Amino acid sequence: MFSVVSIALVVLAIAGFGLVLFRVLKLLRTYRSTASMVTARTGDRVGLLRARFAALRVAIAGRRRHRRDGHAAQYDRP
């Protein structure tokens, strides 16, 4: 009688452990996809920010060259 109860408890424990393991793995998969999406989006934004800073450096260098040539700053006026 005790062996049947013990075997039933072991089977129930293994089934419960399998269920918990399945849910944890599912959550980890969701977390991994979310983390990779956030990493990609952050990388895109950092790339855009670097491009903007590079364009700003080029524009500033162009204005410095223009002023060094002895010309006044040119502005587009209607």
PDB file of N, CA and C in Angstrom:
ATOM      1  N   MET A   1       0.817  -1.190   0.000  1.00  0.00           N
ATOM      2  CA  MET A   1       0.000   0.000   0.000  1.00  0.00           C
ATOM      3  C   MET A   1       0.867   1.263   0.000  1.00  0.00           C
ATOM      4  N   PHE A   2       1.913   1.284   0.838  1.00  0.00           N
ATOM      5  CA  PHE A   2       2.789   2.462   0.882  1.00  0.00           C
ATOM      6  C   PHE A   2       3.567   2.634  -0.411  1.00  0.00           C
ATOM      7  N   SER A   3       3.914   1.545  -1.057  1.00  0.00           N
ATOM      8  CA  SER A   3       4.675   1.648  -2.301  1.00  0.00           C
ATOM      9  C   SER A   3       3.815   2.242  -3.415  1.00  0.00           C
ATOM     10  N   VAL A   4       2.530   1.956  -3.446  1.00  0.00           N
ATOM     11  CA  VAL A   4       1.634   2.519  -4.456  1.00  0.00           C
ATOM     12  C   VAL A   4       1.492   4.025  -4.235  1.00  0.00           C
ATOM     13  N   VAL A   5       1.337   4.427  -2.993  1.00  0.00           N
ATOM     14  CA  VAL A   5       1.235   5.852  -2.660  1.00  0.00           C
ATOM     15  C   VAL A   5       2.550   6.558  -2.997  1.00  0.00           C
ATOM     16  N   SER A   6       3.667   5.937  -2.673  1.00  0.00           N
ATOM     17  CA  SER A   6       4.975   6.537  -2.962  1.00  0.00           C
ATOM     18  C   SER A   6       5.181   6.694  -4.461  1.00  0.00           C
ATOM     19  N   ILE A   7       4.824   5.651  -5.209  1.00  0.00           N
ATOM     20  CA  ILE A   7       4.976   5.726  -6.669  1.00  0.00           C
ATOM     21  C   ILE A   7       4.054   6.790  -7.239  1.00  0.00           C
ATOM     22  N   ALA A   8       2.847   6.887  -6.748  1.00  0.00           N
ATOM     23  CA  ALA A   8       1.899   7.900  -7.223  1.00  0.00           C
ATOM     24  C   ALA A   8       2.420   9.305  -6.908  1.00  0.00           C
ATOM     25  N   LEU A   9       2.999   9.506  -5.733  1.00  0.00           N
ATOM     26  CA  LEU A   9       3.559  10.820  -5.386  1.00  0.00           C
ATOM     27  C   LEU A   9       4.767  11.167  -6.256  1.00  0.00           C
ATOM     28  N   VAL A  10       5.597  10.180  -6.549  1.00  0.00           N
ATOM     29  CA  VAL A  10       6.761  10.422  -7.414  1.00  0.00           C
ATOM     30  C   VAL A  10       6.299  10.800  -8.821  1.00  0.00           C
ATOM     31  N   VAL A  11       5.316  10.073  -9.342  1.00  0.00           N
ATOM     32  CA  VAL A  11       4.794  10.382 -10.681  1.00  0.00           C
ATOM     33  C   VAL A  11       4.164  11.769 -10.695  1.00  0.00           C
ATOM     34  N   LEU A  12       3.425  12.118  -9.667  1.00  0.00           N
ATOM     35  CA  LEU A  12       2.811  13.439  -9.567  1.00  0.00           C
ATOM     36  C   LEU A  12       3.876  14.534  -9.465  1.00  0.00           C
ATOM     37  N   ALA A  13       4.921  14.284  -8.704  1.00  0.00           N
ATOM     38  CA  ALA A  13       6.008  15.258  -8.577  1.00  0.00           C
ATOM     39  C   ALA A  13       6.728  15.454  -9.904  1.00  0.00           C
ATOM     40  N   ILE A  14       6.975  14.362 -10.634  1.00  0.00           N
ATOM     41  CA  ILE A  14       7.643  14.472 -11.934  1.00  0.00           C
ATOM     42  C   ILE A  14       6.758  15.232 -12.918  1.00  0.00           C
ATOM     43  N   ALA A  15       5.466  14.968 -12.914  1.00  0.00           N
ATOM     44  CA  ALA A  15       4.541  15.677 -13.801  1.00  0.00           C
ATOM     45  C   ALA A  15       4.499  17.167 -13.447  1.00  0.00           C
ATOM     46  N   GLY A  16       4.449  17.471 -12.169  1.00  0.00           N
ATOM     47  CA  GLY A  16       4.454  18.883 -11.742  1.00  0.00           C
ATOM     48  C   GLY A  16       5.742  19.578 -12.120  1.00  0.00           C
ATOM     49  N   PHE A  17       6.863  18.880 -11.944  1.00  0.00           N
ATOM     50  CA  PHE A  17       8.159  19.449 -12.322  1.00  0.00           C
ATOM     51  C   PHE A  17       8.222  19.694 -13.823  1.00  0.00           C
ATOM     52  N   GLY A  18       7.678  18.755 -14.606  1.00  0.00           N
ATOM     53  CA  GLY A  18       7.651  18.924 -16.065  1.00  0.00           C
ATOM     54  C   GLY A  18       6.817  20.124 -16.472  1.00  0.00           C
ATOM     55  N   LEU A  19       5.676  20.306 -15.815  1.00  0.00           N
ATOM     56  CA  LEU A  19       4.823  21.450 -16.114  1.00  0.00           C
ATOM     57  C   LEU A  19       5.524  22.768 -15.779  1.00  0.00           C
ATOM     58  N   VAL A  20       6.148  22.825 -14.614  1.00  0.00           N
ATOM     59  CA  VAL A  20       6.873  24.036 -14.212  1.00  0.00           C
ATOM     60  C   VAL A  20       8.040  24.299 -15.170  1.00  0.00           C
ATOM     61  N   LEU A  21       8.768  23.262 -15.530  1.00  0.00           N
ATOM     62  CA  LEU A  21       9.896  23.412 -16.451  1.00  0.00           C
ATOM     63  C   LEU A  21       9.427  23.914 -17.811  1.00  0.00           C
ATOM     64  N   PHE A  22       8.302  23.379 -18.298  1.00  0.00           N
ATOM     65  CA  PHE A  22       7.744  23.825 -19.579  1.00  0.00           C
ATOM     66  C   PHE A  22       7.408  25.312 -19.541  1.00  0.00           C
ATOM     67  N   ARG A  23       6.764  25.750 -18.480  1.00  0.00           N
ATOM     68  CA  ARG A  23       6.393  27.173 -18.375  1.00  0.00           C
ATOM     69  C   ARG A  23       7.617  28.077 -18.258  1.00  0.00           C
ATOM     70  N   VAL A  24       8.604  27.641 -17.506  1.00  0.00           N
ATOM     71  CA  VAL A  24       9.824  28.443 -17.365  1.00  0.00           C
ATOM     72  C   VAL A  24      10.541  28.568 -18.702  1.00  0.00           C
ATOM     73  N   LEU A  25      10.627  27.472 -19.450  1.00  0.00           N
ATOM     74  CA  LEU A  25      11.272  27.529 -20.758  1.00  0.00           C
ATOM     75  C   LEU A  25      10.510  28.430 -21.725  1.00  0.00           C
ATOM     76  N   LYS A  26       9.191  28.402 -21.641  1.00  0.00           N
ATOM     77  CA  LYS A  26       8.373  29.279 -22.485  1.00  0.00           C
ATOM     78  C   LYS A  26       8.634  30.750 -22.129  1.00  0.00           C
ATOM     79  N   LEU A  27       8.696  31.062 -20.845  1.00  0.00           N
ATOM     80  CA  LEU A  27       8.985  32.431 -20.418  1.00  0.00           C
ATOM     81  C   LEU A  27      10.386  32.866 -20.830  1.00  0.00           C
ATOM     82  N   LEU A  28      11.347  31.962 -20.747  1.00  0.00           N
ATOM     83  CA  LEU A  28      12.710  32.291 -21.166  1.00  0.00           C
ATOM     84  C   LEU A  28      12.778  32.568 -22.667  1.00  0.00           C
ATOM     85  N   ARG A  29      12.020  31.808 -23.444  1.00  0.00           N
ATOM     86  CA  ARG A  29      11.972  32.041 -24.887  1.00  0.00           C
ATOM     87  C   ARG A  29      11.388  33.420 -25.183  1.00  0.00           C
ATOM     88  N   THR A  30      10.318  33.768 -24.479  1.00  0.00           N
ATOM     89  CA  THR A  30       9.705  35.092 -24.649  1.00  0.00           C
ATOM     90  C   THR A  30      10.677  36.189 -24.244  1.00  0.00           C
ATOM     91  N   TYR A  31      11.367  35.990 -23.128  1.00  0.00           N
ATOM     92  CA  TYR A  31      12.338  36.979 -22.661  1.00  0.00           C
ATOM     93  C   TYR A  31      13.457  37.146 -23.676  1.00  0.00           C
ATOM     94  N   ARG A  32      13.949  36.035 -24.239  1.00  0.00           N
ATOM     95  CA  ARG A  32      15.056  36.105 -25.190  1.00  0.00           C
ATOM     96  C   ARG A  32      14.646  36.875 -26.441  1.00  0.00           C
ATOM     97  N   SER A  33      13.428  36.638 -26.945  1.00  0.00           N
ATOM     98  CA  SER A  33      12.991  37.359 -28.140  1.00  0.00           C
ATOM     99  C   SER A  33      12.801  38.846 -27.836  1.00  0.00           C
ATOM    100  N   THR A  34      12.271  39.152 -26.661  1.00  0.00           N
ATOM    101  CA  THR A  34      12.098  40.554 -26.280  1.00  0.00           C
ATOM    102  C   THR A  34      13.449  41.243 -26.115  1.00  0.00           C
ATOM    103  N   ALA A  35      14.395  40.564 -25.478  1.00  0.00           N
ATOM    104  CA  ALA A  35      15.722  41.148 -25.282  1.00  0.00           C
ATOM    105  C   ALA A  35      16.416  41.384 -26.613  1.00  0.00           C
ATOM    106  N   SER A  36      16.293  40.472 -27.557  1.00  0.00           N
ATOM    107  CA  SER A  36      16.940  40.678 -28.858  1.00  0.00           C
ATOM    108  C   SER A  36      16.283  41.819 -29.619  1.00  0.00           C
ATOM    109  N   MET A  37      14.957  41.967 -29.476  1.00  0.00           N
ATOM    110  CA  MET A  37      14.266  43.068 -30.129  1.00  0.00           C
ATOM    111  C   MET A  37      14.712  44.412 -29.542  1.00  0.00           C
ATOM    112  N   VAL A  38      14.834  44.471 -28.235  1.00  0.00           N
ATOM    113  CA  VAL A  38      15.277  45.707 -27.586  1.00  0.00           C
ATOM    114  C   VAL A  38      16.711  46.027 -27.985  1.00  0.00           C
ATOM    115  N   THR A  39      17.565  45.008 -28.050  1.00  0.00           N
ATOM    116  CA  THR A  39      18.956  45.220 -28.450  1.00  0.00           C
ATOM    117  C   THR A  39      19.026  45.755 -29.877  1.00  0.00           C
ATOM    118  N   ALA A  40      18.236  45.195 -30.770  1.00  0.00           N
ATOM    119  CA  ALA A  40      18.238  45.657 -32.160  1.00  0.00           C
ATOM    120  C   ALA A  40      17.743  47.097 -32.257  1.00  0.00           C
ATOM    121  N   ARG A  41      16.672  47.398 -31.553  1.00  0.00           N
ATOM    122  CA  ARG A  41      16.121  48.757 -31.602  1.00  0.00           C
ATOM    123  C   ARG A  41      17.105  49.771 -31.009  1.00  0.00           C
ATOM    124  N   THR A  42      17.743  49.406 -29.919  1.00  0.00           N
ATOM    125  CA  THR A  42      18.729  50.296 -29.308  1.00  0.00           C
ATOM    126  C   THR A  42      19.906  50.508 -30.242  1.00  0.00           C
ATOM    127  N   GLY A  43      20.348  49.436 -30.898  1.00  0.00           N
ATOM    128  CA  GLY A  43      21.444  49.557 -31.858  1.00  0.00           C
ATOM    129  C   GLY A  43      21.082  50.466 -33.017  1.00  0.00           C
ATOM    130  N   ASP A  44      19.837  50.372 -33.494  1.00  0.00           N
ATOM    131  CA  ASP A  44      19.385  51.251 -34.572  1.00  0.00           C
ATOM    132  C   ASP A  44      19.398  52.707 -34.127  1.00  0.00           C
ATOM    133  N   ARG A  45      18.904  52.941 -32.925  1.00  0.00           N
ATOM    134  CA  ARG A  45      18.866  54.323 -32.433  1.00  0.00           C
ATOM    135  C   ARG A  45      20.271  54.887 -32.202  1.00  0.00           C
ATOM    136  N   VAL A  46      21.172  54.053 -31.711  1.00  0.00           N
ATOM    137  CA  VAL A  46      22.552  54.496 -31.506  1.00  0.00           C
ATOM    138  C   VAL A  46      23.191  54.811 -32.854  1.00  0.00           C
ATOM    139  N   GLY A  47      22.914  53.979 -33.856  1.00  0.00           N
ATOM    140  CA  GLY A  47      23.442  54.236 -35.196  1.00  0.00           C
ATOM    141  C   GLY A  47      22.940  55.552 -35.756  1.00  0.00           C
ATOM    142  N   LEU A  48      21.644  55.831 -35.576  1.00  0.00           N
ATOM    143  CA  LEU A  48      21.103  57.105 -36.046  1.00  0.00           C
ATOM    144  C   LEU A  48      21.729  58.281 -35.312  1.00  0.00           C
ATOM    145  N   LEU A  49      21.936  58.114 -34.024  1.00  0.00           N
ATOM    146  CA  LEU A  49      22.548  59.187 -33.241  1.00  0.00           C
ATOM    147  C   LEU A  49      23.983  59.439 -33.703  1.00  0.00           C
ATOM    148  N   ARG A  50      24.734  58.367 -33.966  1.00  0.00           N
ATOM    149  CA  ARG A  50      26.105  58.531 -34.464  1.00  0.00           C
ATOM    150  C   ARG A  50      26.111  59.214 -35.830  1.00  0.00           C
ATOM    151  N   ALA A  51      25.156  58.864 -36.682  1.00  0.00           N
ATOM    152  CA  ALA A  51      25.075  59.504 -38.000  1.00  0.00           C
ATOM    153  C   ALA A  51      24.771  60.988 -37.864  1.00  0.00           C
ATOM    154  N   ARG A  52      23.893  61.336 -36.943  1.00  0.00           N
ATOM    155  CA  ARG A  52      23.581  62.758 -36.745  1.00  0.00           C
ATOM    156  C   ARG A  52      24.790  63.533 -36.236  1.00  0.00           C
ATOM    157  N   PHE A  53      25.524  62.930 -35.292  1.00  0.00           N
ATOM    158  CA  PHE A  53      26.722  63.604 -34.794  1.00  0.00           C
ATOM    159  C   PHE A  53      27.769  63.742 -35.891  1.00  0.00           C
ATOM    160  N   ALA A  54      27.899  62.744 -36.747  1.00  0.00           N
ATOM    161  CA  ALA A  54      28.859  62.825 -37.854  1.00  0.00           C
ATOM    162  C   ALA A  54      28.455  63.942 -38.815  1.00  0.00           C
ATOM    163  N   ALA A  55      27.171  64.049 -39.114  1.00  0.00           N
ATOM    164  CA  ALA A  55      26.704  65.117 -39.996  1.00  0.00           C
ATOM    165  C   ALA A  55      26.935  66.482 -39.367  1.00  0.00           C
ATOM    166  N   LEU A  56      26.735  66.570 -38.082  1.00  0.00           N
ATOM    167  CA  LEU A  56      26.982  67.826 -37.381  1.00  0.00           C
ATOM    168  C   LEU A  56      28.456  68.207 -37.431  1.00  0.00           C
ATOM    169  N   ARG A  57      29.342  67.224 -37.236  1.00  0.00           N
ATOM    170  CA  ARG A  57      30.783  67.502 -37.329  1.00  0.00           C
ATOM    171  C   ARG A  57      31.174  67.966 -38.720  1.00  0.00           C
ATOM    172  N   VAL A  58      30.592  67.360 -39.757  1.00  0.00           N
ATOM    173  CA  VAL A  58      30.881  67.767 -41.132  1.00  0.00           C
ATOM    174  C   VAL A  58      30.392  69.190 -41.371  1.00  0.00           C
ATOM    175  N   ALA A  59      29.202  69.513 -40.878  1.00  0.00           N
ATOM    176  CA  ALA A  59      28.662  70.861 -41.069  1.00  0.00           C
ATOM    177  C   ALA A  59      29.510  71.902 -40.345  1.00  0.00           C
ATOM    178  N   ILE A  60      29.926  71.596 -39.139  1.00  0.00           N
ATOM    179  CA  ILE A  60      30.769  72.545 -38.385  1.00  0.00           C
ATOM    180  C   ILE A  60      32.109  72.714 -39.072  1.00  0.00           C
ATOM    181  N   ALA A  61      32.694  71.628 -39.538  1.00  0.00           N
ATOM    182  CA  ALA A  61      33.980  71.726 -40.242  1.00  0.00           C
ATOM    183  C   ALA A  61      33.823  72.534 -41.520  1.00  0.00           C
ATOM    184  N   GLY A  62      32.718  72.388 -42.222  1.00  0.00           N
ATOM    185  CA  GLY A  62      32.476  73.168 -43.438  1.00  0.00           C
ATOM    186  C   GLY A  62      32.352  74.647 -43.140  1.00  0.00           C
ATOM    187  N   ARG A  63      31.683  74.986 -42.057  1.00  0.00           N
ATOM    188  CA  ARG A  63      31.571  76.412 -41.694  1.00  0.00           C
ATOM    189  C   ARG A  63      32.924  76.981 -41.297  1.00  0.00           C
ATOM    190  N   ARG A  64      33.733  76.198 -40.591  1.00  0.00           N
ATOM    191  CA  ARG A  64      35.066  76.684 -40.204  1.00  0.00           C
ATOM    192  C   ARG A  64      35.934  76.908 -41.431  1.00  0.00           C
ATOM    193  N   ARG A  65      35.871  75.984 -42.400  1.00  0.00           N
ATOM    194  CA  ARG A  65      36.651  76.159 -43.631  1.00  0.00           C
ATOM    195  C   ARG A  65      36.173  77.395 -44.377  1.00  0.00           C
ATOM    196  N   HIS A  66      34.873  77.585 -44.411  1.00  0.00           N
ATOM    197  CA  HIS A  66      34.301  78.718 -45.133  1.00  0.00           C
ATOM    198  C   HIS A  66      34.747  80.037 -44.507  1.00  0.00           C
ATOM    199  N   ARG A  67      34.798  80.115 -43.199  1.00  0.00           N
ATOM    200  CA  ARG A  67      35.213  81.358 -42.525  1.00  0.00           C
ATOM    201  C   ARG A  67      36.715  81.573 -42.650  1.00  0.00           C
ATOM    202  N   ARG A  68      37.459  80.476 -42.699  1.00  0.00           N
ATOM    203  CA  ARG A  68      38.912  80.612 -42.844  1.00  0.00           C
ATOM    204  C   ARG A  68      39.284  81.181 -44.203  1.00  0.00           C
ATOM    205  N   ASP A  69      38.458  80.958 -45.208  1.00  0.00           N
ATOM    206  CA  ASP A  69      38.725  81.460 -46.554  1.00  0.00           C
ATOM    207  C   ASP A  69      38.505  82.966 -46.644  1.00  0.00           C
ATOM    208  N   GLY A  70      37.993  83.573 -45.584  1.00  0.00           N
ATOM    209  CA  GLY A  70      37.821  85.022 -45.574  1.00  0.00           C
ATOM    210  C   GLY A  70      36.456  85.468 -46.034  1.00  0.00           C
ATOM    211  N   HIS A  71      35.564  84.583 -46.265  1.00  0.00           N
ATOM    212  CA  HIS A  71      34.218  84.954 -46.689  1.00  0.00           C
ATOM    213  C   HIS A  71      33.296  85.013 -45.491  1.00  0.00           C
ATOM    214  N   ALA A  72      32.323  85.867 -45.582  1.00  0.00           N
ATOM    215  CA  ALA A  72      31.302  85.942 -44.532  1.00  0.00           C
ATOM    216  C   ALA A  72      30.355  84.757 -44.699  1.00  0.00           C
ATOM    217  N   ALA A  73      29.667  84.457 -43.626  1.00  0.00           N
ATOM    218  CA  ALA A  73      28.727  83.331 -43.660  1.00  0.00           C
ATOM    219  C   ALA A  73      27.598  83.654 -44.639  1.00  0.00           C
ATOM    220  N   GLN A  74      27.272  82.715 -45.470  1.00  0.00           N
ATOM    221  CA  GLN A  74      26.195  82.891 -46.460  1.00  0.00           C
ATOM    222  C   GLN A  74      24.903  82.314 -45.897  1.00  0.00           C
ATOM    223  N   TYR A  75      23.867  83.112 -45.950  1.00  0.00           N
ATOM    224  CA  TYR A  75      22.568  82.651 -45.503  1.00  0.00           C
ATOM    225  C   TYR A  75      21.586  82.770 -46.651  1.00  0.00           C
ATOM    226  N   ASP A  76      20.707  81.828 -46.760  1.00  0.00           N
ATOM    227  CA  ASP A  76      19.678  81.889 -47.794  1.00  0.00           C
ATOM    228  C   ASP A  76      18.560  82.790 -47.304  1.00  0.00           C
ATOM    229  N   ARG A  77      18.394  83.912 -48.000  1.00  0.00           N
ATOM    230  CA  ARG A  77      17.311  84.833 -47.644  1.00  0.00           C
ATOM    231  C   ARG A  77      16.408  84.985 -48.863  1.00  0.00           C
ATOM    232  N   PRO A  78      15.111  84.949 -48.612  1.00  0.00           N
ATOM    233  CA  PRO A  78      14.186  85.108 -49.749  1.00  0.00           C
ATOM    234  C   PRO A  78      14.200  86.498 -50.317  1.00  0.00           C
TER     235      PRO A  78
END
